[in-house]
Amino acid sequence: ILFAVPAVLLHKGGDLSKSFGGNVVGVLRSLQLYTVGGLVGFNQVVDDPSVFPEWLSLRFFFALARAVGFGVEVPLVVLPFTATPAPTNVYTIYGSYFADFGWVGIVTIMLAHGYFLTMLFQSAVRRRPEAVILFGLAVAWLLMSSATDGFLTSMSYWIQALGFTMTVYHWPLLSR
């Protein structure tokens, strides 16, 4: 239900003008595309890494450099479409890492993700409230990793989430 309602409202496999059965079929096809289509899309990147914008995984740093006045191009977030056989721009979490850094980059970055998520989990187990919230967000992005990278390319999101949770849970302590 959490996936189906937005899929129908955003026309991602469904449409309010379709019948219930038509929406069920469309939403299931969309779910299939987002869960397993990324692997097919990633295979396209392995075959030809140039289909990806250069340095997409470091997009945050390019955007930051541009914001402070450097004349750099910021990689586009919307990825090119490929056939899976249905057209999609879903490439898994590995797509940008492979295009930018190859297999060694994937292994290194995923080990770093594992390390940081383990540290976050351990903090959450110790009942640090900000860690509980951030770990919950991280689990949501892990569930989406079959479709996209929600970690390195979304660095701005994580900085904002960290800043917000730290402010909420530590501001009262600072005012004492």
Protein backbone atom coordinates (compact mmCIF):
# COMPACT_ATOMS: atom_id res chain seq x y z
CA ILE A 1 0.00 0.00 0.00
CA LEU A 2 2.86 2.38 0.82
CA PHE A 3 4.30 1.80 -2.64
CA ALA A 4 1.03 1.49 -4.56
CA VAL A 5 -0.64 4.77 -3.60
CA PRO A 6 2.26 7.03 -4.68
CA ALA A 7 2.77 4.85 -7.79
CA VAL A 8 -0.81 5.53 -8.87
CA LEU A 9 -0.76 9.22 -7.93
CA LEU A 10 2.59 9.82 -9.67
CA HIS A 11 1.70 7.68 -12.71
CA LYS A 12 4.52 5.22 -11.98
CA GLY A 13 2.65 2.16 -13.14
CA GLY A 14 -0.82 3.31 -12.19
CA ASP A 15 -3.33 5.99 -13.02
CA LEU A 16 -6.52 7.19 -11.35
CA SER A 17 -8.38 6.70 -14.64
CA LYS A 18 -7.51 2.96 -14.73
CA SER A 19 -9.52 0.20 -13.11
CA PHE A 20 -8.40 -1.39 -9.85
CA GLY A 21 -7.12 -4.46 -11.74
CA GLY A 22 -5.29 -2.28 -14.26
CA ASN A 23 -3.61 -0.40 -11.45
CA VAL A 24 -2.62 -3.64 -9.69
CA VAL A 25 -0.94 -4.97 -12.84
CA GLY A 26 0.75 -1.63 -13.56
CA VAL A 27 2.00 -1.16 -10.01
CA LEU A 28 3.35 -4.74 -9.90
CA ARG A 29 5.23 -4.14 -13.18
CA SER A 30 6.63 -0.93 -11.75
CA LEU A 31 7.67 -2.73 -8.57
CA GLN A 32 9.37 -5.38 -10.69
CA LEU A 33 11.21 -2.70 -12.65
CA TYR A 34 12.46 -0.93 -9.52
CA THR A 35 13.47 -4.11 -7.67
CA VAL A 36 15.20 -6.15 -10.39
CA GLY A 37 15.52 -3.72 -13.30
CA GLY A 38 18.44 -2.05 -11.57
CA LEU A 39 20.57 -5.17 -11.95
CA VAL A 40 19.95 -5.18 -15.70
CA GLY A 41 20.67 -1.47 -15.83
CA PHE A 42 23.87 -1.97 -13.84
CA ASN A 43 24.94 -4.61 -16.36
CA GLN A 44 24.60 -1.92 -19.04
CA VAL A 45 26.98 0.28 -17.03
CA VAL A 46 29.47 -2.59 -16.72
CA ASP A 47 29.33 -3.03 -20.50
CA ASP A 48 29.76 0.72 -21.12
CA PRO A 49 30.52 2.99 -18.12
CA SER A 50 30.31 6.07 -20.36
CA VAL A 51 26.49 5.90 -20.24
CA PHE A 52 26.70 7.53 -16.81
CA PRO A 53 27.47 11.19 -16.17
CA GLU A 54 31.07 11.57 -15.07
CA TRP A 55 31.68 11.68 -11.31
CA LEU A 56 28.02 11.27 -10.38
CA SER A 57 28.96 9.62 -7.10
CA LEU A 58 30.81 12.82 -6.08
CA ARG A 59 27.94 15.09 -7.14
CA PHE A 60 27.61 16.68 -3.69
CA PHE A 61 31.19 17.92 -3.76
CA PHE A 62 30.77 19.39 -7.26
CA ALA A 63 27.54 21.12 -6.17
CA LEU A 64 29.29 22.48 -3.07
CA ALA A 65 32.21 23.76 -5.15
CA ARG A 66 29.81 25.45 -7.57
CA ALA A 67 27.86 27.01 -4.67
CA VAL A 68 31.01 28.65 -3.29
CA GLY A 69 31.96 30.08 -6.67
CA PHE A 70 33.99 27.53 -8.59
CA GLY A 71 32.97 27.16 -12.23
CA VAL A 72 32.48 23.40 -12.25
CA GLU A 73 29.77 21.37 -13.93
CA VAL A 74 27.50 19.48 -11.55
CA PRO A 75 26.57 15.98 -12.78
CA LEU A 76 22.90 15.55 -13.57
CA VAL A 77 20.79 13.54 -11.14
CA VAL A 78 18.42 12.22 -13.82
CA LEU A 79 20.18 9.28 -15.41
CA PRO A 80 19.94 8.17 -19.03
CA PHE A 81 17.36 5.54 -19.91
CA THR A 82 18.29 2.01 -20.90
CA ALA A 83 16.27 -1.02 -21.98
CA THR A 84 15.74 -3.75 -19.35
CA PRO A 85 13.75 -4.54 -21.75
CA ALA A 86 11.34 -1.87 -20.47
CA PRO A 87 12.99 1.57 -20.52
CA THR A 88 14.34 2.57 -17.12
CA ASN A 89 16.93 4.82 -15.52
CA VAL A 90 17.40 2.57 -12.48
CA TYR A 91 20.95 1.22 -12.03
CA THR A 92 21.33 0.05 -8.37
CA ILE A 93 23.59 1.56 -5.76
CA TYR A 94 26.60 0.22 -7.66
CA GLY A 95 26.04 2.08 -10.96
CA SER A 96 27.73 5.39 -10.19
CA TYR A 97 30.41 3.76 -8.05
CA PHE A 98 31.39 1.44 -10.91
CA ALA A 99 31.30 4.19 -13.55
CA ASP A 100 33.51 6.44 -11.41
CA PHE A 101 35.86 4.00 -9.66
CA GLY A 102 35.46 0.49 -11.13
CA TRP A 103 35.24 -2.74 -9.16
CA VAL A 104 37.83 -1.62 -6.59
CA GLY A 105 35.75 1.48 -5.92
CA ILE A 106 32.59 -0.56 -5.39
CA VAL A 107 34.32 -2.83 -2.88
CA THR A 108 36.00 0.07 -1.06
CA ILE A 109 32.88 2.25 -0.89
CA MET A 110 30.64 -0.64 0.18
CA LEU A 111 33.11 -1.58 2.94
CA ALA A 112 33.03 2.05 4.10
CA HIS A 113 29.20 2.00 4.02
CA GLY A 114 29.24 -1.20 6.06
CA TYR A 115 31.62 0.27 8.60
CA PHE A 116 29.65 3.49 9.10
CA LEU A 117 26.29 1.71 9.21
CA THR A 118 27.67 -0.74 11.79
CA MET A 119 28.86 2.17 13.94
CA LEU A 120 25.46 3.82 13.55
CA PHE A 121 23.69 0.58 14.48
CA GLN A 122 25.84 0.14 17.57
CA SER A 123 25.04 3.71 18.64
CA ALA A 124 21.34 3.03 18.08
CA VAL A 125 21.55 -0.13 20.21
CA ARG A 126 23.08 2.01 22.97
CA ARG A 127 19.87 4.08 22.69
CA ARG A 128 21.36 7.25 21.31
CA PRO A 129 18.17 8.87 19.95
CA GLU A 130 19.83 10.61 17.02
CA ALA A 131 21.44 7.32 15.98
CA VAL A 132 18.08 5.54 16.12
CA ILE A 133 16.61 8.07 13.69
CA LEU A 134 19.62 8.10 11.37
CA PHE A 135 19.81 4.30 11.37
CA GLY A 136 16.13 4.14 10.44
CA LEU A 137 16.82 6.46 7.51
CA ALA A 138 19.82 4.34 6.53
CA VAL A 139 17.72 1.16 6.52
CA ALA A 140 15.22 2.86 4.22
CA TRP A 141 18.04 3.73 1.81
CA LEU A 142 19.39 0.18 2.05
CA LEU A 143 15.99 -1.07 0.95
CA MET A 144 16.18 1.30 -2.03
CA SER A 145 19.72 0.24 -2.98
CA SER A 146 18.38 -2.04 -5.70
CA ALA A 147 17.29 1.12 -7.50
CA THR A 148 19.67 3.93 -6.52
CA ASP A 149 22.45 5.20 -4.28
CA GLY A 150 21.07 7.02 -1.27
CA PHE A 151 24.37 7.46 0.50
CA LEU A 152 27.29 9.06 -1.34
CA THR A 153 25.31 10.85 -4.05
CA SER A 154 22.88 12.02 -1.35
CA MET A 155 25.52 13.49 0.95
CA SER A 156 23.57 16.76 1.30
CA TYR A 157 20.57 14.79 2.62
CA TRP A 158 22.74 13.07 5.22
CA ILE A 159 24.39 16.29 6.37
CA GLN A 160 20.97 17.90 6.79
CA ALA A 161 19.57 14.85 8.61
CA LEU A 162 22.59 14.75 10.91
CA GLY A 163 22.37 18.47 11.60
CA PHE A 164 18.65 18.32 12.27
CA THR A 165 18.79 15.33 14.62
CA MET A 166 21.80 16.69 16.48
CA THR A 167 20.01 20.03 16.91
CA VAL A 168 16.80 18.40 18.13
CA TYR A 169 18.53 16.15 20.64
CA HIS A 170 21.43 18.34 21.75
CA TRP A 171 20.13 21.93 21.57
CA PRO A 172 18.42 21.69 24.99
CA LEU A 173 21.69 20.48 26.45
CA LEU A 174 23.56 23.46 24.99
CA SER A 175 21.12 25.95 26.47
CA ARG A 176 21.60 24.71 30.04
